[in-house]
Amino acid sequence: MNDEQIVVKLQELGVLRQGHFKLTSGRHSDQFLLCSQLTMQPTETTKMIGLLATKVRAAGLRPNVIVGPAMGGVILAYEMARALGCRAMFAEKEGEGMALKRGFSLTAGDKVLVIEDAVSTGGSIEKVLDCLKETEAELLGVAVLFDRTKGQVLFDGKPPIALLELSIASWDPADCPLCQAGIELILPKA
């Protein structure tokens, strides 16, 4: 599946949407990735994660643990772990940060790949990385289904391995041309 075919599939599934959206970061955009519309389709999720797993292998990464942020990264971590033949875990909110709970723990022998559905500012992933720094595990890298920044957001100095890089504009609400045009703001996760 090439990038164009992936975009068409995302539109068909209702993942890639057009409108005036408020992003998790608070910024506004004319496009939104509602990744839950992908993860509710197990067959399609398995296909997309399989394509991403191929890129992870091609990058030479051999993790033995996949960690995703709750909620969006739970299914993705499980599917990536299944594709790569390793364990899956997730980090949950704890105060302003993230923590491994539910008996999850990492040791010095663990090699971790963090997975997330989409990166815009990288805030959620950074919270997971901060959580992992409190363990003895080795961070191998970050994988995302969709990189809205085309490699502009770096994690430990490296861009994430992305299934698809998209150029999706976003604006500070004060500078949003859609707000200025009076187009109704959608809260897509509400």
C-alpha atoms as a PDB file:
ATOM      1  CA  MET A   1       0.000   0.000   0.000  1.00  0.00           C
ATOM      2  CA  ASN A   2       1.508   3.347  -0.983  1.00  0.00           C
ATOM      3  CA  ASP A   3       0.900   6.711   0.731  1.00  0.00           C
ATOM      4  CA  GLU A   4      -1.897   7.713  -1.639  1.00  0.00           C
ATOM      5  CA  GLN A   5      -3.730   4.428  -1.048  1.00  0.00           C
ATOM      6  CA  ILE A   6      -3.334   4.849   2.698  1.00  0.00           C
ATOM      7  CA  VAL A   7      -4.850   8.355   2.528  1.00  0.00           C
ATOM      8  CA  VAL A   8      -7.810   7.068   0.499  1.00  0.00           C
ATOM      9  CA  LYS A   9      -8.348   4.255   3.026  1.00  0.00           C
ATOM     10  CA  LEU A  10      -8.199   6.743   5.910  1.00  0.00           C
ATOM     11  CA  GLN A  11     -10.828   8.907   4.238  1.00  0.00           C
ATOM     12  CA  GLU A  12     -13.049   5.870   3.561  1.00  0.00           C
ATOM     13  CA  LEU A  13     -12.816   4.806   7.217  1.00  0.00           C
ATOM     14  CA  GLY A  14     -13.590   8.316   8.497  1.00  0.00           C
ATOM     15  CA  VAL A  15     -10.144   8.680  10.059  1.00  0.00           C
ATOM     16  CA  LEU A  16      -8.962  11.674   7.996  1.00  0.00           C
ATOM     17  CA  ARG A  17     -11.624  14.382   8.237  1.00  0.00           C
ATOM     18  CA  GLN A  18     -12.064  17.879   6.831  1.00  0.00           C
ATOM     19  CA  GLY A  19     -13.555  20.803   8.808  1.00  0.00           C
ATOM     20  CA  HIS A  20     -12.565  23.179  11.613  1.00  0.00           C
ATOM     21  CA  PHE A  21     -11.172  21.216  14.547  1.00  0.00           C
ATOM     22  CA  LYS A  22      -9.767  21.937  17.973  1.00  0.00           C
ATOM     23  CA  LEU A  23      -6.728  19.695  18.472  1.00  0.00           C
ATOM     24  CA  THR A  24      -5.675  18.137  21.786  1.00  0.00           C
ATOM     25  CA  SER A  25      -2.873  20.721  21.909  1.00  0.00           C
ATOM     26  CA  GLY A  26      -5.491  23.517  21.799  1.00  0.00           C
ATOM     27  CA  ARG A  27      -4.466  24.573  18.290  1.00  0.00           C
ATOM     28  CA  HIS A  28      -6.982  24.653  15.421  1.00  0.00           C
ATOM     29  CA  SER A  29      -6.783  22.775  12.108  1.00  0.00           C
ATOM     30  CA  ASP A  30      -8.770  22.205   8.929  1.00  0.00           C
ATOM     31  CA  GLN A  31      -8.036  18.467   9.043  1.00  0.00           C
ATOM     32  CA  PHE A  32      -8.266  15.947  11.853  1.00  0.00           C
ATOM     33  CA  LEU A  33      -7.159  12.367  12.319  1.00  0.00           C
ATOM     34  CA  LEU A  34      -9.798  10.551  14.384  1.00  0.00           C
ATOM     35  CA  CYS A  35      -7.697   7.445  14.915  1.00  0.00           C
ATOM     36  CA  SER A  36     -10.376   5.663  16.934  1.00  0.00           C
ATOM     37  CA  GLN A  37     -12.152   5.165  13.604  1.00  0.00           C
ATOM     38  CA  LEU A  38      -9.186   3.031  12.546  1.00  0.00           C
ATOM     39  CA  THR A  39      -8.750   1.057  15.756  1.00  0.00           C
ATOM     40  CA  MET A  40     -12.417   0.048  15.774  1.00  0.00           C
ATOM     41  CA  GLN A  41     -11.626  -1.886  12.570  1.00  0.00           C
ATOM     42  CA  PRO A  42      -9.288  -4.723  13.701  1.00  0.00           C
ATOM     43  CA  THR A  43      -8.466  -5.941  10.199  1.00  0.00           C
ATOM     44  CA  GLU A  44      -7.529  -2.454   8.961  1.00  0.00           C
ATOM     45  CA  THR A  45      -5.578  -1.692  12.155  1.00  0.00           C
ATOM     46  CA  THR A  46      -3.592  -4.912  11.748  1.00  0.00           C
ATOM     47  CA  LYS A  47      -2.782  -3.976   8.125  1.00  0.00           C
ATOM     48  CA  MET A  48      -1.638  -0.445   9.021  1.00  0.00           C
ATOM     49  CA  ILE A  49       0.444  -1.606  11.979  1.00  0.00           C
ATOM     50  CA  GLY A  50       1.936  -4.345   9.786  1.00  0.00           C
ATOM     51  CA  LEU A  51       3.096  -1.692   7.324  1.00  0.00           C
ATOM     52  CA  LEU A  52       4.563   0.362  10.171  1.00  0.00           C
ATOM     53  CA  ALA A  53       6.254  -2.737  11.650  1.00  0.00           C
ATOM     54  CA  THR A  54       7.994  -3.255   8.300  1.00  0.00           C
ATOM     55  CA  LYS A  55       9.433   0.278   8.594  1.00  0.00           C
ATOM     56  CA  VAL A  56      10.531  -0.393  12.188  1.00  0.00           C
ATOM     57  CA  ARG A  57      12.381  -3.539  11.073  1.00  0.00           C
ATOM     58  CA  ALA A  58      13.891  -1.687   8.094  1.00  0.00           C
ATOM     59  CA  ALA A  59      15.245   0.918  10.533  1.00  0.00           C
ATOM     60  CA  GLY A  60      17.084  -1.895  12.298  1.00  0.00           C
ATOM     61  CA  LEU A  61      15.106  -1.650  15.534  1.00  0.00           C
ATOM     62  CA  ARG A  62      14.563  -4.863  17.486  1.00  0.00           C
ATOM     63  CA  PRO A  63      12.442  -3.989  20.534  1.00  0.00           C
ATOM     64  CA  ASN A  64      11.290  -6.537  23.069  1.00  0.00           C
ATOM     65  CA  VAL A  65       8.682  -4.193  24.566  1.00  0.00           C
ATOM     66  CA  ILE A  66       6.235  -1.779  22.930  1.00  0.00           C
ATOM     67  CA  VAL A  67       4.785   1.015  25.089  1.00  0.00           C
ATOM     68  CA  GLY A  68       1.896   3.270  24.088  1.00  0.00           C
ATOM     69  CA  PRO A  69       0.096   6.036  25.969  1.00  0.00           C
ATOM     70  CA  ALA A  70      -3.397   5.266  27.214  1.00  0.00           C
ATOM     71  CA  MET A  71      -5.913   5.470  25.615  1.00  0.00           C
ATOM     72  CA  GLY A  72      -5.004   5.780  21.940  1.00  0.00           C
ATOM     73  CA  GLY A  73      -1.773   3.821  22.194  1.00  0.00           C
ATOM     74  CA  VAL A  74      -3.153   0.760  24.003  1.00  0.00           C
ATOM     75  CA  ILE A  75      -4.459  -1.054  20.927  1.00  0.00           C
ATOM     76  CA  LEU A  76      -1.535   0.136  18.825  1.00  0.00           C
ATOM     77  CA  ALA A  77       1.023  -1.156  21.340  1.00  0.00           C
ATOM     78  CA  TYR A  78      -0.724  -4.524  21.395  1.00  0.00           C
ATOM     79  CA  GLU A  79      -0.847  -4.782  17.592  1.00  0.00           C
ATOM     80  CA  MET A  80       2.768  -3.674  17.151  1.00  0.00           C
ATOM     81  CA  ALA A  81       3.903  -6.149  19.820  1.00  0.00           C
ATOM     82  CA  ARG A  82       2.005  -8.876  18.017  1.00  0.00           C
ATOM     83  CA  ALA A  83       3.576  -7.893  14.679  1.00  0.00           C
ATOM     84  CA  LEU A  84       7.090  -7.827  16.142  1.00  0.00           C
ATOM     85  CA  GLY A  85       6.702 -10.770  18.520  1.00  0.00           C
ATOM     86  CA  CYS A  86       7.271  -8.969  21.801  1.00  0.00           C
ATOM     87  CA  ARG A  87       5.450  -7.657  24.905  1.00  0.00           C
ATOM     88  CA  ALA A  88       2.991  -4.757  25.008  1.00  0.00           C
ATOM     89  CA  MET A  89       2.466  -2.217  27.793  1.00  0.00           C
ATOM     90  CA  PHE A  90       0.828   1.157  28.194  1.00  0.00           C
ATOM     91  CA  ALA A  91       1.490   4.241  30.272  1.00  0.00           C
ATOM     92  CA  GLU A  92      -1.369   6.037  31.996  1.00  0.00           C
ATOM     93  CA  LYS A  93      -1.874   9.579  33.186  1.00  0.00           C
ATOM     94  CA  GLU A  94      -0.606  10.294  36.669  1.00  0.00           C
ATOM     95  CA  GLY A  95      -0.870  13.907  37.706  1.00  0.00           C
ATOM     96  CA  GLU A  96       0.654  15.979  34.909  1.00  0.00           C
ATOM     97  CA  GLY A  97       2.736  13.076  33.614  1.00  0.00           C
ATOM     98  CA  MET A  98       2.482   9.390  32.736  1.00  0.00           C
ATOM     99  CA  ALA A  99       3.333   6.248  34.692  1.00  0.00           C
ATOM    100  CA  LEU A 100       3.541   2.518  34.187  1.00  0.00           C
ATOM    101  CA  LYS A 101       0.853   0.966  36.384  1.00  0.00           C
ATOM    102  CA  ARG A 102      -1.052  -2.343  36.574  1.00  0.00           C
ATOM    103  CA  GLY A 103       2.099  -4.299  37.358  1.00  0.00           C
ATOM    104  CA  PHE A 104       3.973  -3.157  34.249  1.00  0.00           C
ATOM    105  CA  SER A 105       7.701  -2.819  34.824  1.00  0.00           C
ATOM    106  CA  LEU A 106      10.809  -2.504  32.704  1.00  0.00           C
ATOM    107  CA  THR A 107      14.320  -3.762  33.446  1.00  0.00           C
ATOM    108  CA  ALA A 108      17.832  -3.053  32.153  1.00  0.00           C
ATOM    109  CA  GLY A 109      17.441  -5.754  29.482  1.00  0.00           C
ATOM    110  CA  ASP A 110      14.350  -4.202  27.939  1.00  0.00           C
ATOM    111  CA  LYS A 111      14.597  -2.427  24.606  1.00  0.00           C
ATOM    112  CA  VAL A 112      11.544  -0.201  24.164  1.00  0.00           C
ATOM    113  CA  LEU A 113       9.747   1.199  21.157  1.00  0.00           C
ATOM    114  CA  VAL A 114       7.115   3.819  21.968  1.00  0.00           C
ATOM    115  CA  ILE A 115       4.080   3.950  19.682  1.00  0.00           C
ATOM    116  CA  GLU A 116       1.405   6.614  19.249  1.00  0.00           C
ATOM    117  CA  ASP A 117      -1.363   7.165  16.724  1.00  0.00           C
ATOM    118  CA  ALA A 118      -0.465  10.688  15.598  1.00  0.00           C
ATOM    119  CA  VAL A 119       2.099  13.327  16.479  1.00  0.00           C
ATOM    120  CA  SER A 120       1.318  17.031  16.291  1.00  0.00           C
ATOM    121  CA  THR A 121       3.323  18.639  19.076  1.00  0.00           C
ATOM    122  CA  GLY A 122       4.806  15.484  20.622  1.00  0.00           C
ATOM    123  CA  GLY A 123       3.485  16.273  24.105  1.00  0.00           C
ATOM    124  CA  SER A 124       1.924  12.878  24.822  1.00  0.00           C
ATOM    125  CA  ILE A 125       4.973  11.001  23.595  1.00  0.00           C
ATOM    126  CA  GLU A 126       7.313  13.196  25.671  1.00  0.00           C
ATOM    127  CA  LYS A 127       5.320  12.300  28.789  1.00  0.00           C
ATOM    128  CA  VAL A 128       5.758   8.601  28.016  1.00  0.00           C
ATOM    129  CA  LEU A 129       9.487   9.135  27.397  1.00  0.00           C
ATOM    130  CA  ASP A 130       9.812  10.941  30.742  1.00  0.00           C
ATOM    131  CA  CYS A 131       8.134   7.969  32.407  1.00  0.00           C
ATOM    132  CA  LEU A 132      10.552   5.553  30.714  1.00  0.00           C
ATOM    133  CA  LYS A 133      13.574   7.582  31.870  1.00  0.00           C
ATOM    134  CA  GLU A 134      12.690   6.494  35.400  1.00  0.00           C
ATOM    135  CA  THR A 135      13.397   2.871  34.403  1.00  0.00           C
ATOM    136  CA  GLU A 136      16.570   1.072  33.355  1.00  0.00           C
ATOM    137  CA  ALA A 137      15.144   0.180  29.926  1.00  0.00           C
ATOM    138  CA  GLU A 138      16.769   1.341  26.701  1.00  0.00           C
ATOM    139  CA  LEU A 139      14.649   3.514  24.415  1.00  0.00           C
ATOM    140  CA  LEU A 140      15.139   2.449  20.808  1.00  0.00           C
ATOM    141  CA  GLY A 141      12.815   4.989  19.222  1.00  0.00           C
ATOM    142  CA  VAL A 142       9.310   6.203  18.553  1.00  0.00           C
ATOM    143  CA  ALA A 143       6.876   4.960  15.920  1.00  0.00           C
ATOM    144  CA  VAL A 144       3.674   6.716  14.906  1.00  0.00           C
ATOM    145  CA  LEU A 145       0.983   5.938  12.413  1.00  0.00           C
ATOM    146  CA  PHE A 146       0.743   9.558  11.342  1.00  0.00           C
ATOM    147  CA  ASP A 147       3.321  12.337  11.624  1.00  0.00           C
ATOM    148  CA  ARG A 148       1.514  15.638  11.093  1.00  0.00           C
ATOM    149  CA  THR A 149       4.837  17.497  11.310  1.00  0.00           C
ATOM    150  CA  LYS A 150       6.775  15.704   8.535  1.00  0.00           C
ATOM    151  CA  GLY A 151       9.663  14.954  10.894  1.00  0.00           C
ATOM    152  CA  GLN A 152       9.826  18.392  12.509  1.00  0.00           C
ATOM    153  CA  VAL A 153       9.153  17.058  16.040  1.00  0.00           C
ATOM    154  CA  LEU A 154      12.129  15.072  17.306  1.00  0.00           C
ATOM    155  CA  PHE A 155      12.399  12.600  20.165  1.00  0.00           C
ATOM    156  CA  ASP A 156      15.885  12.237  21.641  1.00  0.00           C
ATOM    157  CA  GLY A 157      17.119  14.046  18.527  1.00  0.00           C
ATOM    158  CA  LYS A 158      15.425  11.708  16.037  1.00  0.00           C
ATOM    159  CA  PRO A 159      12.170  11.950  14.086  1.00  0.00           C
ATOM    160  CA  PRO A 160       9.631   9.207  14.695  1.00  0.00           C
ATOM    161  CA  ILE A 161       9.301   6.301  12.305  1.00  0.00           C
ATOM    162  CA  ALA A 162       5.997   7.112  10.621  1.00  0.00           C
ATOM    163  CA  LEU A 163       3.635   5.090   8.506  1.00  0.00           C
ATOM    164  CA  LEU A 164       2.530   8.311   6.847  1.00  0.00           C
ATOM    165  CA  GLU A 165       3.845  11.862   6.964  1.00  0.00           C
ATOM    166  CA  LEU A 166       1.173  14.475   6.422  1.00  0.00           C
ATOM    167  CA  SER A 167       1.298  18.234   6.020  1.00  0.00           C
ATOM    168  CA  ILE A 168      -1.653  19.335   8.093  1.00  0.00           C
ATOM    169  CA  ALA A 169      -1.714  23.005   9.003  1.00  0.00           C
ATOM    170  CA  SER A 170      -2.584  24.144  12.503  1.00  0.00           C
ATOM    171  CA  TRP A 171      -2.988  27.587  13.990  1.00  0.00           C
ATOM    172  CA  ASP A 172      -3.053  29.284  17.339  1.00  0.00           C
ATOM    173  CA  PRO A 173      -6.754  30.042  17.983  1.00  0.00           C
ATOM    174  CA  ALA A 174      -6.025  33.784  17.856  1.00  0.00           C
ATOM    175  CA  ASP A 175      -4.610  33.399  14.326  1.00  0.00           C
ATOM    176  CA  CYS A 176      -7.019  30.769  12.984  1.00  0.00           C
ATOM    177  CA  PRO A 177      -8.423  31.736   9.551  1.00  0.00           C
ATOM    178  CA  LEU A 178     -11.349  29.356  10.082  1.00  0.00           C
ATOM    179  CA  CYS A 179     -12.358  31.177  13.262  1.00  0.00           C
ATOM    180  CA  GLN A 180     -11.999  34.490  11.429  1.00  0.00           C
ATOM    181  CA  ALA A 181     -14.300  33.111   8.674  1.00  0.00           C
ATOM    182  CA  GLY A 182     -16.890  32.154  11.305  1.00  0.00           C
ATOM    183  CA  ILE A 183     -16.718  28.417  10.574  1.00  0.00           C
ATOM    184  CA  GLU A 184     -18.078  26.320  13.433  1.00  0.00           C
ATOM    185  CA  LEU A 185     -15.401  24.743  15.647  1.00  0.00           C
ATOM    186  CA  ILE A 186     -15.652  20.985  16.115  1.00  0.00           C
ATOM    187  CA  LEU A 187     -14.400  19.203  19.241  1.00  0.00           C
ATOM    188  CA  PRO A 188     -13.755  15.830  17.597  1.00  0.00           C
ATOM    189  CA  LYS A 189     -13.047  13.857  20.761  1.00  0.00           C
ATOM    190  CA  ALA A 190     -16.098  15.119  22.634  1.00  0.00           C
END
